[in-house]
Amino acid sequence: MKREHRIRSLLERIRSASLDAHELLGPLDLKEFRTNLLVQRGVGMSLLMASESVVQLEAFSPDFVAEHPEIDWVTIRGMRNRMAHGYFDINLDYVYQTAKYEALDLVRIVDSLIHIYPEGE
């Protein structure tokens, strides 16, 4: 796979999983989110998938990461590590805020970048 196509593929994964995390919340407020294990797990897994794709993009193309400081790569990687290794210590308030607000910010940034890279093989 060409470099540009791999970058686009990873950006699409980041976008899709981030949007899923946001949409899975639906109209739930934080109190409802805290009591809904199914939504917690769905949102958490979606954020983990998005952040894992960020880690893969960092490894695949460090220069791409350096060229796009508008994405908070370090924070996203840190969240991925906490979620992947601290299953029972996940801060649900942080997960909720990330999915509710920051996931959409990331989607907007990815949308502004993704068109630069061609589709297909």
N, C-alpha and C. Protein backbone atom coordinates (compact mmCIF):
# COMPACT_ATOMS: atom_id res chain seq x y z
N MET A 1 0.85 -1.17 0.00
CA MET A 1 0.00 0.00 0.00
C MET A 1 0.90 1.24 0.00
N LYS A 2 0.58 2.16 -0.87
CA LYS A 2 1.35 3.39 -0.94
C LYS A 2 1.19 4.19 0.35
N ARG A 3 2.20 4.99 0.64
CA ARG A 3 2.21 5.80 1.85
C ARG A 3 0.95 6.64 1.98
N GLU A 4 0.57 7.33 0.90
CA GLU A 4 -0.59 8.22 0.94
C GLU A 4 -1.87 7.45 1.24
N HIS A 5 -1.98 6.26 0.66
CA HIS A 5 -3.19 5.45 0.87
C HIS A 5 -3.24 4.93 2.31
N ARG A 6 -2.09 4.56 2.85
CA ARG A 6 -2.06 4.08 4.24
C ARG A 6 -2.43 5.22 5.20
N ILE A 7 -1.91 6.40 4.95
CA ILE A 7 -2.26 7.55 5.79
C ILE A 7 -3.75 7.81 5.71
N ARG A 8 -4.30 7.82 4.50
CA ARG A 8 -5.74 8.05 4.35
C ARG A 8 -6.54 6.98 5.08
N SER A 9 -6.13 5.73 4.95
CA SER A 9 -6.84 4.64 5.61
C SER A 9 -6.85 4.83 7.13
N LEU A 10 -5.72 5.20 7.69
CA LEU A 10 -5.66 5.42 9.13
C LEU A 10 -6.49 6.64 9.54
N LEU A 11 -6.46 7.69 8.75
CA LEU A 11 -7.30 8.86 9.04
C LEU A 11 -8.78 8.49 8.99
N GLU A 12 -9.16 7.67 8.02
CA GLU A 12 -10.56 7.23 7.93
C GLU A 12 -10.96 6.42 9.16
N ARG A 13 -10.06 5.59 9.64
CA ARG A 13 -10.34 4.80 10.85
C ARG A 13 -10.50 5.72 12.07
N ILE A 14 -9.61 6.69 12.18
CA ILE A 14 -9.69 7.65 13.29
C ILE A 14 -11.01 8.39 13.24
N ARG A 15 -11.38 8.85 12.05
CA ARG A 15 -12.62 9.59 11.88
C ARG A 15 -13.83 8.73 12.23
N SER A 16 -13.88 7.54 11.69
CA SER A 16 -15.03 6.65 11.89
C SER A 16 -15.21 6.29 13.36
N ALA A 17 -14.14 5.88 14.01
CA ALA A 17 -14.24 5.46 15.41
C ALA A 17 -14.55 6.64 16.32
N SER A 18 -14.01 7.81 16.02
CA SER A 18 -14.30 9.01 16.81
C SER A 18 -15.76 9.40 16.68
N LEU A 19 -16.26 9.34 15.46
CA LEU A 19 -17.68 9.66 15.23
C LEU A 19 -18.57 8.63 15.92
N ASP A 20 -18.20 7.36 15.86
CA ASP A 20 -18.96 6.33 16.57
C ASP A 20 -19.03 6.63 18.06
N ALA A 21 -17.90 6.98 18.65
CA ALA A 21 -17.87 7.28 20.09
C ALA A 21 -18.85 8.39 20.43
N HIS A 22 -18.85 9.43 19.62
CA HIS A 22 -19.77 10.55 19.85
C HIS A 22 -21.22 10.13 19.67
N GLU A 23 -21.50 9.42 18.59
CA GLU A 23 -22.89 9.06 18.28
C GLU A 23 -23.45 8.02 19.26
N LEU A 24 -22.61 7.16 19.80
CA LEU A 24 -23.08 6.18 20.77
C LEU A 24 -23.62 6.83 22.04
N LEU A 25 -23.13 8.02 22.36
CA LEU A 25 -23.65 8.72 23.53
C LEU A 25 -25.11 9.12 23.35
N GLY A 26 -25.46 9.43 22.09
CA GLY A 26 -26.82 9.89 21.84
C GLY A 26 -27.15 11.05 22.76
N PRO A 27 -28.36 11.04 23.33
CA PRO A 27 -28.77 12.14 24.19
C PRO A 27 -28.39 11.95 25.67
N LEU A 28 -27.61 10.93 25.98
CA LEU A 28 -27.29 10.65 27.38
C LEU A 28 -26.49 11.78 28.02
N ASP A 29 -26.87 12.13 29.24
CA ASP A 29 -26.04 13.05 30.00
C ASP A 29 -25.03 12.22 30.80
N LEU A 30 -24.16 12.89 31.51
CA LEU A 30 -23.10 12.18 32.23
C LEU A 30 -23.67 11.20 33.25
N LYS A 31 -24.70 11.60 33.96
CA LYS A 31 -25.30 10.71 34.97
C LYS A 31 -25.83 9.44 34.33
N GLU A 32 -26.51 9.58 33.21
CA GLU A 32 -27.04 8.40 32.50
C GLU A 32 -25.91 7.54 31.95
N PHE A 33 -24.88 8.20 31.44
CA PHE A 33 -23.72 7.47 30.91
C PHE A 33 -23.08 6.61 31.99
N ARG A 34 -22.96 7.16 33.19
CA ARG A 34 -22.33 6.42 34.29
C ARG A 34 -23.09 5.15 34.66
N THR A 35 -24.38 5.10 34.35
CA THR A 35 -25.19 3.94 34.73
C THR A 35 -25.46 2.98 33.58
N ASN A 36 -24.95 3.30 32.38
CA ASN A 36 -25.23 2.48 31.21
C ASN A 36 -23.95 1.77 30.75
N LEU A 37 -23.77 0.57 31.26
CA LEU A 37 -22.54 -0.19 30.98
C LEU A 37 -22.37 -0.46 29.49
N LEU A 38 -23.44 -0.75 28.80
CA LEU A 38 -23.36 -1.05 27.38
C LEU A 38 -22.81 0.15 26.60
N VAL A 39 -23.32 1.33 26.88
CA VAL A 39 -22.84 2.53 26.19
C VAL A 39 -21.40 2.84 26.62
N GLN A 40 -21.11 2.67 27.90
CA GLN A 40 -19.73 2.89 28.37
C GLN A 40 -18.74 2.04 27.58
N ARG A 41 -19.08 0.77 27.42
CA ARG A 41 -18.17 -0.14 26.73
C ARG A 41 -18.07 0.21 25.24
N GLY A 42 -19.20 0.55 24.64
CA GLY A 42 -19.18 0.91 23.22
C GLY A 42 -18.38 2.17 22.96
N VAL A 43 -18.61 3.18 23.78
CA VAL A 43 -17.88 4.44 23.64
C VAL A 43 -16.39 4.21 23.93
N GLY A 44 -16.12 3.47 24.99
CA GLY A 44 -14.72 3.20 25.34
C GLY A 44 -13.99 2.46 24.24
N MET A 45 -14.63 1.44 23.68
CA MET A 45 -14.00 0.68 22.60
C MET A 45 -13.79 1.56 21.37
N SER A 46 -14.75 2.40 21.06
CA SER A 46 -14.61 3.29 19.90
C SER A 46 -13.44 4.26 20.10
N LEU A 47 -13.34 4.82 21.30
CA LEU A 47 -12.20 5.71 21.58
C LEU A 47 -10.88 4.96 21.53
N LEU A 48 -10.89 3.73 22.02
CA LEU A 48 -9.68 2.91 21.97
C LEU A 48 -9.29 2.63 20.51
N MET A 49 -10.27 2.33 19.68
CA MET A 49 -9.99 2.07 18.26
C MET A 49 -9.43 3.32 17.58
N ALA A 50 -10.02 4.47 17.85
CA ALA A 50 -9.52 5.72 17.25
C ALA A 50 -8.10 5.99 17.71
N SER A 51 -7.87 5.85 19.01
CA SER A 51 -6.54 6.16 19.53
C SER A 51 -5.49 5.13 19.10
N GLU A 52 -5.89 3.89 18.92
CA GLU A 52 -4.95 2.89 18.40
C GLU A 52 -4.55 3.24 16.96
N SER A 53 -5.49 3.74 16.18
CA SER A 53 -5.16 4.17 14.81
C SER A 53 -4.22 5.36 14.84
N VAL A 54 -4.37 6.23 15.83
CA VAL A 54 -3.44 7.35 16.00
C VAL A 54 -2.04 6.81 16.27
N VAL A 55 -1.92 5.84 17.16
CA VAL A 55 -0.62 5.25 17.49
C VAL A 55 -0.01 4.61 16.24
N GLN A 56 -0.82 3.92 15.45
CA GLN A 56 -0.32 3.32 14.22
C GLN A 56 0.15 4.38 13.23
N LEU A 57 -0.58 5.49 13.15
CA LEU A 57 -0.18 6.57 12.24
C LEU A 57 1.13 7.20 12.71
N GLU A 58 1.27 7.38 14.02
CA GLU A 58 2.53 7.91 14.56
C GLU A 58 3.71 7.01 14.18
N ALA A 59 3.52 5.71 14.29
CA ALA A 59 4.59 4.76 13.98
C ALA A 59 4.87 4.71 12.48
N PHE A 60 3.82 4.78 11.67
CA PHE A 60 3.97 4.66 10.23
C PHE A 60 4.57 5.92 9.61
N SER A 61 4.13 7.09 10.09
CA SER A 61 4.57 8.33 9.46
C SER A 61 4.82 9.43 10.50
N PRO A 62 5.95 9.37 11.19
CA PRO A 62 6.26 10.40 12.18
C PRO A 62 6.30 11.80 11.57
N ASP A 63 6.68 11.89 10.29
CA ASP A 63 6.72 13.20 9.64
C ASP A 63 5.31 13.77 9.47
N PHE A 64 4.32 12.92 9.19
CA PHE A 64 2.94 13.38 9.11
C PHE A 64 2.52 13.97 10.45
N VAL A 65 2.84 13.27 11.51
CA VAL A 65 2.49 13.72 12.86
C VAL A 65 3.16 15.07 13.15
N ALA A 66 4.42 15.20 12.80
CA ALA A 66 5.15 16.45 13.03
C ALA A 66 4.56 17.61 12.23
N GLU A 67 4.02 17.31 11.05
CA GLU A 67 3.44 18.34 10.19
C GLU A 67 2.05 18.78 10.64
N HIS A 68 1.45 18.06 11.59
CA HIS A 68 0.07 18.36 12.00
C HIS A 68 -0.06 18.46 13.51
N PRO A 69 0.50 19.54 14.07
CA PRO A 69 0.42 19.73 15.52
C PRO A 69 -0.99 20.12 15.99
N GLU A 70 -1.90 20.36 15.06
CA GLU A 70 -3.27 20.68 15.46
C GLU A 70 -3.98 19.48 16.10
N ILE A 71 -3.41 18.30 15.91
CA ILE A 71 -3.91 17.10 16.59
C ILE A 71 -3.03 16.86 17.81
N ASP A 72 -3.66 16.66 18.94
CA ASP A 72 -2.92 16.45 20.19
C ASP A 72 -2.52 14.98 20.31
N TRP A 73 -1.52 14.61 19.54
CA TRP A 73 -1.07 13.23 19.43
C TRP A 73 -0.70 12.63 20.79
N VAL A 74 0.02 13.38 21.60
CA VAL A 74 0.51 12.88 22.88
C VAL A 74 -0.66 12.54 23.82
N THR A 75 -1.63 13.43 23.89
CA THR A 75 -2.79 13.19 24.76
C THR A 75 -3.59 11.99 24.29
N ILE A 76 -3.78 11.88 22.98
CA ILE A 76 -4.54 10.75 22.44
C ILE A 76 -3.81 9.44 22.72
N ARG A 77 -2.51 9.41 22.52
CA ARG A 77 -1.73 8.20 22.81
C ARG A 77 -1.81 7.86 24.29
N GLY A 78 -1.73 8.88 25.14
CA GLY A 78 -1.83 8.65 26.58
C GLY A 78 -3.17 8.06 26.98
N MET A 79 -4.24 8.57 26.36
CA MET A 79 -5.57 8.04 26.64
C MET A 79 -5.65 6.58 26.20
N ARG A 80 -5.09 6.28 25.05
CA ARG A 80 -5.09 4.90 24.56
C ARG A 80 -4.39 3.98 25.55
N ASN A 81 -3.25 4.42 26.05
CA ASN A 81 -2.50 3.59 26.99
C ASN A 81 -3.27 3.37 28.29
N ARG A 82 -3.92 4.41 28.79
CA ARG A 82 -4.72 4.27 30.01
C ARG A 82 -5.89 3.32 29.79
N MET A 83 -6.55 3.45 28.64
CA MET A 83 -7.72 2.61 28.38
C MET A 83 -7.31 1.16 28.11
N ALA A 84 -6.20 0.97 27.43
CA ALA A 84 -5.77 -0.39 27.07
C ALA A 84 -5.18 -1.15 28.25
N HIS A 85 -4.62 -0.44 29.21
CA HIS A 85 -3.91 -1.12 30.30
C HIS A 85 -4.52 -0.89 31.68
N GLY A 86 -5.46 0.02 31.79
CA GLY A 86 -6.03 0.32 33.10
C GLY A 86 -7.53 0.12 33.13
N TYR A 87 -7.95 -1.05 32.68
CA TYR A 87 -9.37 -1.35 32.48
C TYR A 87 -10.28 -0.89 33.61
N PHE A 88 -9.87 -1.14 34.84
CA PHE A 88 -10.75 -0.86 35.97
C PHE A 88 -10.49 0.51 36.59
N ASP A 89 -9.58 1.25 36.01
CA ASP A 89 -9.26 2.58 36.52
C ASP A 89 -9.61 3.68 35.52
N ILE A 90 -10.50 3.39 34.60
CA ILE A 90 -10.88 4.36 33.58
C ILE A 90 -11.80 5.41 34.19
N ASN A 91 -11.49 6.66 33.95
CA ASN A 91 -12.27 7.79 34.45
C ASN A 91 -13.45 8.02 33.50
N LEU A 92 -14.64 7.63 33.93
CA LEU A 92 -15.82 7.73 33.07
C LEU A 92 -16.16 9.17 32.71
N ASP A 93 -15.89 10.11 33.61
CA ASP A 93 -16.15 11.52 33.30
C ASP A 93 -15.28 11.96 32.12
N TYR A 94 -14.02 11.54 32.14
CA TYR A 94 -13.09 11.89 31.07
C TYR A 94 -13.51 11.23 29.75
N VAL A 95 -13.92 9.98 29.81
CA VAL A 95 -14.39 9.27 28.61
C VAL A 95 -15.60 9.99 28.03
N TYR A 96 -16.53 10.36 28.89
CA TYR A 96 -17.75 11.06 28.44
C TYR A 96 -17.39 12.39 27.77
N GLN A 97 -16.59 13.20 28.44
CA GLN A 97 -16.21 14.50 27.89
C GLN A 97 -15.46 14.35 26.56
N THR A 98 -14.61 13.36 26.49
CA THR A 98 -13.86 13.12 25.25
C THR A 98 -14.80 12.77 24.11
N ALA A 99 -15.72 11.85 24.36
CA ALA A 99 -16.65 11.42 23.31
C ALA A 99 -17.63 12.53 22.95
N LYS A 100 -18.08 13.26 23.94
CA LYS A 100 -19.10 14.29 23.71
C LYS A 100 -18.54 15.48 22.94
N TYR A 101 -17.34 15.91 23.27
CA TYR A 101 -16.81 17.15 22.70
C TYR A 101 -15.54 16.96 21.87
N GLU A 102 -14.55 16.32 22.42
CA GLU A 102 -13.26 16.26 21.74
C GLU A 102 -13.26 15.34 20.53
N ALA A 103 -14.09 14.32 20.55
CA ALA A 103 -14.15 13.41 19.39
C ALA A 103 -14.60 14.17 18.15
N LEU A 104 -15.58 15.05 18.31
CA LEU A 104 -16.05 15.83 17.15
C LEU A 104 -14.99 16.82 16.68
N ASP A 105 -14.23 17.38 17.61
CA ASP A 105 -13.13 18.26 17.21
C ASP A 105 -12.12 17.49 16.36
N LEU A 106 -11.82 16.27 16.78
CA LEU A 106 -10.88 15.44 16.02
C LEU A 106 -11.46 15.09 14.65
N VAL A 107 -12.74 14.79 14.58
CA VAL A 107 -13.38 14.50 13.29
C VAL A 107 -13.23 15.69 12.35
N ARG A 108 -13.46 16.89 12.87
CA ARG A 108 -13.34 18.10 12.03
C ARG A 108 -11.91 18.28 11.51
N ILE A 109 -10.94 18.05 12.36
CA ILE A 109 -9.55 18.18 11.93
C ILE A 109 -9.22 17.13 10.87
N VAL A 110 -9.62 15.90 11.12
CA VAL A 110 -9.36 14.83 10.15
C VAL A 110 -10.05 15.13 8.83
N ASP A 111 -11.28 15.64 8.88
CA ASP A 111 -11.98 16.01 7.65
C ASP A 111 -11.20 17.05 6.85
N SER A 112 -10.52 17.95 7.53
CA SER A 112 -9.75 18.98 6.83
C SER A 112 -8.46 18.42 6.21
N LEU A 113 -8.02 17.25 6.68
CA LEU A 113 -6.77 16.65 6.19
C LEU A 113 -6.99 15.54 5.18
N ILE A 114 -8.07 14.82 5.32
CA ILE A 114 -8.25 13.57 4.58
C ILE A 114 -8.30 13.78 3.06
N HIS A 115 -8.82 14.92 2.64
CA HIS A 115 -8.94 15.17 1.19
C HIS A 115 -7.59 15.30 0.49
N ILE A 116 -6.54 15.53 1.26
CA ILE A 116 -5.20 15.67 0.69
C ILE A 116 -4.70 14.34 0.13
N TYR A 117 -5.21 13.25 0.69
CA TYR A 117 -4.71 11.92 0.34
C TYR A 117 -5.71 11.19 -0.55
N PRO A 118 -5.23 10.60 -1.65
CA PRO A 118 -6.12 9.95 -2.61
C PRO A 118 -6.76 8.69 -2.05
N GLU A 119 -7.92 8.36 -2.60
CA GLU A 119 -8.61 7.12 -2.23
C GLU A 119 -8.07 5.97 -3.06
N GLY A 120 -8.26 4.76 -2.55
CA GLY A 120 -7.95 3.56 -3.33
C GLY A 120 -6.51 3.14 -3.26
N GLU A 121 -6.25 2.04 -3.95
CA GLU A 121 -4.91 1.47 -3.99
C GLU A 121 -4.11 2.16 -5.02
